[in-house]
Amino acid sequence: MYEYRCQTCGKQFEQLRRMSEADSGLVCPTCASVEIERLLSGFAAHGCGSGGGGRFR
């Protein structure tokens, strides 16, 4: 899952894409612009939650 922002209208959206196709063939779902930038994913900065000590349960 990747997050993108349209540089034309400013709309942010997500798309499930293969890593090899992450930046190819993107079109804004709001204005149909192809001026799209990939955003840094917010989930990568979060931990496992409280009390888990970094381990999966």
N, C-alpha and C. Protein backbone atom coordinates (compact mmCIF):
# COMPACT_ATOMS: atom_id res chain seq x y z
N MET A 1 0.85 -1.17 0.00
CA MET A 1 0.00 0.00 0.00
C MET A 1 0.89 1.23 0.00
N TYR A 2 0.65 2.12 -0.92
CA TYR A 2 1.41 3.35 -1.04
C TYR A 2 0.47 4.55 -0.91
N GLU A 3 1.00 5.63 -0.37
CA GLU A 3 0.24 6.88 -0.25
C GLU A 3 0.81 7.87 -1.25
N TYR A 4 -0.10 8.61 -1.90
CA TYR A 4 0.29 9.57 -2.92
C TYR A 4 -0.45 10.89 -2.70
N ARG A 5 0.09 11.96 -3.31
CA ARG A 5 -0.58 13.26 -3.32
C ARG A 5 -0.49 13.81 -4.74
N CYS A 6 -1.63 14.30 -5.22
CA CYS A 6 -1.68 14.93 -6.52
C CYS A 6 -1.09 16.33 -6.40
N GLN A 7 -0.14 16.66 -7.25
CA GLN A 7 0.48 17.97 -7.23
C GLN A 7 -0.40 19.03 -7.89
N THR A 8 -1.44 18.62 -8.60
CA THR A 8 -2.34 19.56 -9.25
C THR A 8 -3.47 20.00 -8.32
N CYS A 9 -4.19 19.04 -7.72
CA CYS A 9 -5.34 19.39 -6.88
C CYS A 9 -5.09 19.21 -5.39
N GLY A 10 -3.99 18.55 -5.01
CA GLY A 10 -3.64 18.37 -3.60
C GLY A 10 -4.30 17.18 -2.93
N LYS A 11 -5.11 16.43 -3.62
CA LYS A 11 -5.80 15.27 -3.06
C LYS A 11 -4.80 14.18 -2.68
N GLN A 12 -4.95 13.60 -1.47
CA GLN A 12 -4.13 12.47 -1.05
C GLN A 12 -4.95 11.20 -1.22
N PHE A 13 -4.28 10.13 -1.67
CA PHE A 13 -4.98 8.86 -1.87
C PHE A 13 -4.00 7.71 -1.69
N GLU A 14 -4.54 6.52 -1.51
CA GLU A 14 -3.74 5.31 -1.33
C GLU A 14 -4.03 4.35 -2.47
N GLN A 15 -3.02 3.58 -2.82
CA GLN A 15 -3.21 2.52 -3.82
C GLN A 15 -2.36 1.33 -3.44
N LEU A 16 -2.91 0.16 -3.62
CA LEU A 16 -2.18 -1.08 -3.42
C LEU A 16 -1.49 -1.42 -4.73
N ARG A 17 -0.14 -1.42 -4.70
CA ARG A 17 0.63 -1.62 -5.91
C ARG A 17 1.84 -2.49 -5.61
N ARG A 18 2.36 -3.18 -6.63
CA ARG A 18 3.61 -3.92 -6.49
C ARG A 18 4.75 -2.93 -6.34
N MET A 19 5.80 -3.34 -5.62
CA MET A 19 6.95 -2.46 -5.43
C MET A 19 7.56 -2.04 -6.76
N SER A 20 7.61 -2.94 -7.71
CA SER A 20 8.20 -2.64 -9.01
C SER A 20 7.37 -1.64 -9.83
N GLU A 21 6.10 -1.45 -9.44
CA GLU A 21 5.21 -0.54 -10.16
C GLU A 21 4.75 0.63 -9.30
N ALA A 22 5.46 0.89 -8.21
CA ALA A 22 5.01 1.87 -7.22
C ALA A 22 4.80 3.27 -7.80
N ASP A 23 5.61 3.67 -8.76
CA ASP A 23 5.53 5.03 -9.28
C ASP A 23 5.15 5.12 -10.75
N SER A 24 4.72 4.04 -11.36
CA SER A 24 4.41 4.07 -12.79
C SER A 24 2.90 4.07 -13.03
N GLY A 25 2.49 4.83 -14.03
CA GLY A 25 1.09 4.82 -14.47
C GLY A 25 0.09 5.37 -13.48
N LEU A 26 0.49 6.31 -12.65
CA LEU A 26 -0.43 6.86 -11.65
C LEU A 26 -1.28 7.99 -12.23
N VAL A 27 -2.56 7.99 -11.85
CA VAL A 27 -3.48 9.04 -12.26
C VAL A 27 -4.31 9.42 -11.04
N CYS A 28 -4.45 10.72 -10.79
CA CYS A 28 -5.24 11.18 -9.65
C CYS A 28 -6.71 10.77 -9.83
N PRO A 29 -7.31 10.15 -8.82
CA PRO A 29 -8.71 9.73 -8.93
C PRO A 29 -9.68 10.90 -8.89
N THR A 30 -9.22 12.08 -8.49
CA THR A 30 -10.09 13.26 -8.40
C THR A 30 -10.07 14.10 -9.66
N CYS A 31 -8.86 14.43 -10.15
CA CYS A 31 -8.77 15.36 -11.29
C CYS A 31 -8.12 14.76 -12.53
N ALA A 32 -7.69 13.50 -12.46
CA ALA A 32 -7.08 12.77 -13.57
C ALA A 32 -5.69 13.28 -13.97
N SER A 33 -5.06 14.07 -13.12
CA SER A 33 -3.70 14.54 -13.38
C SER A 33 -2.71 13.39 -13.24
N VAL A 34 -1.61 13.49 -13.95
CA VAL A 34 -0.54 12.50 -13.82
C VAL A 34 0.63 13.06 -13.01
N GLU A 35 0.47 14.26 -12.46
CA GLU A 35 1.49 14.90 -11.62
C GLU A 35 1.31 14.42 -10.18
N ILE A 36 1.86 13.24 -9.88
CA ILE A 36 1.65 12.56 -8.60
C ILE A 36 2.98 12.40 -7.89
N GLU A 37 2.98 12.60 -6.56
CA GLU A 37 4.17 12.32 -5.77
C GLU A 37 3.85 11.28 -4.71
N ARG A 38 4.81 10.39 -4.48
CA ARG A 38 4.63 9.36 -3.44
C ARG A 38 5.01 9.96 -2.10
N LEU A 39 4.21 9.69 -1.07
CA LEU A 39 4.46 10.19 0.27
C LEU A 39 5.13 9.12 1.11
N LEU A 40 5.79 9.55 2.15
CA LEU A 40 6.33 8.60 3.11
C LEU A 40 5.18 7.99 3.88
N SER A 41 5.21 6.71 4.06
CA SER A 41 4.13 6.00 4.73
C SER A 41 4.15 6.27 6.22
N GLY A 42 3.01 6.60 6.80
CA GLY A 42 2.92 6.89 8.22
C GLY A 42 3.05 5.66 9.10
N PHE A 43 2.63 4.49 8.64
CA PHE A 43 2.65 3.30 9.48
C PHE A 43 4.06 2.85 9.80
N ALA A 44 5.05 3.20 9.00
CA ALA A 44 6.41 2.75 9.23
C ALA A 44 7.03 3.36 10.47
N ALA A 45 6.45 4.46 10.98
CA ALA A 45 7.02 5.16 12.12
C ALA A 45 6.41 4.71 13.44
N HIS A 46 5.42 3.84 13.42
CA HIS A 46 4.73 3.42 14.63
C HIS A 46 5.33 2.14 15.20
N GLY A 47 5.23 1.98 16.52
CA GLY A 47 5.71 0.76 17.17
C GLY A 47 4.63 -0.31 17.20
N CYS A 48 4.87 -1.32 17.98
CA CYS A 48 3.95 -2.45 18.07
C CYS A 48 2.83 -2.21 19.06
N GLY A 49 2.85 -1.10 19.77
CA GLY A 49 1.82 -0.83 20.77
C GLY A 49 2.40 -0.86 22.15
N SER A 50 1.60 -0.58 23.14
CA SER A 50 2.10 -0.51 24.51
C SER A 50 2.15 -1.89 25.14
N GLY A 51 3.18 -2.12 25.93
CA GLY A 51 3.27 -3.34 26.70
C GLY A 51 3.77 -4.56 25.92
N GLY A 52 3.99 -4.42 24.64
CA GLY A 52 4.42 -5.57 23.85
C GLY A 52 5.91 -5.79 23.85
N GLY A 53 6.66 -4.78 24.26
CA GLY A 53 8.10 -4.93 24.26
C GLY A 53 8.69 -5.18 22.89
N GLY A 54 7.93 -4.80 21.81
CA GLY A 54 8.43 -4.99 20.46
C GLY A 54 8.21 -6.39 19.92
N ARG A 55 7.59 -7.26 20.69
CA ARG A 55 7.35 -8.64 20.23
C ARG A 55 5.93 -8.77 19.71
N PHE A 56 5.74 -9.70 18.78
CA PHE A 56 4.40 -10.02 18.31
C PHE A 56 3.75 -10.98 19.29
N ARG A 57 2.48 -10.88 19.42
CA ARG A 57 1.74 -11.79 20.32
C ARG A 57 0.96 -12.78 19.56
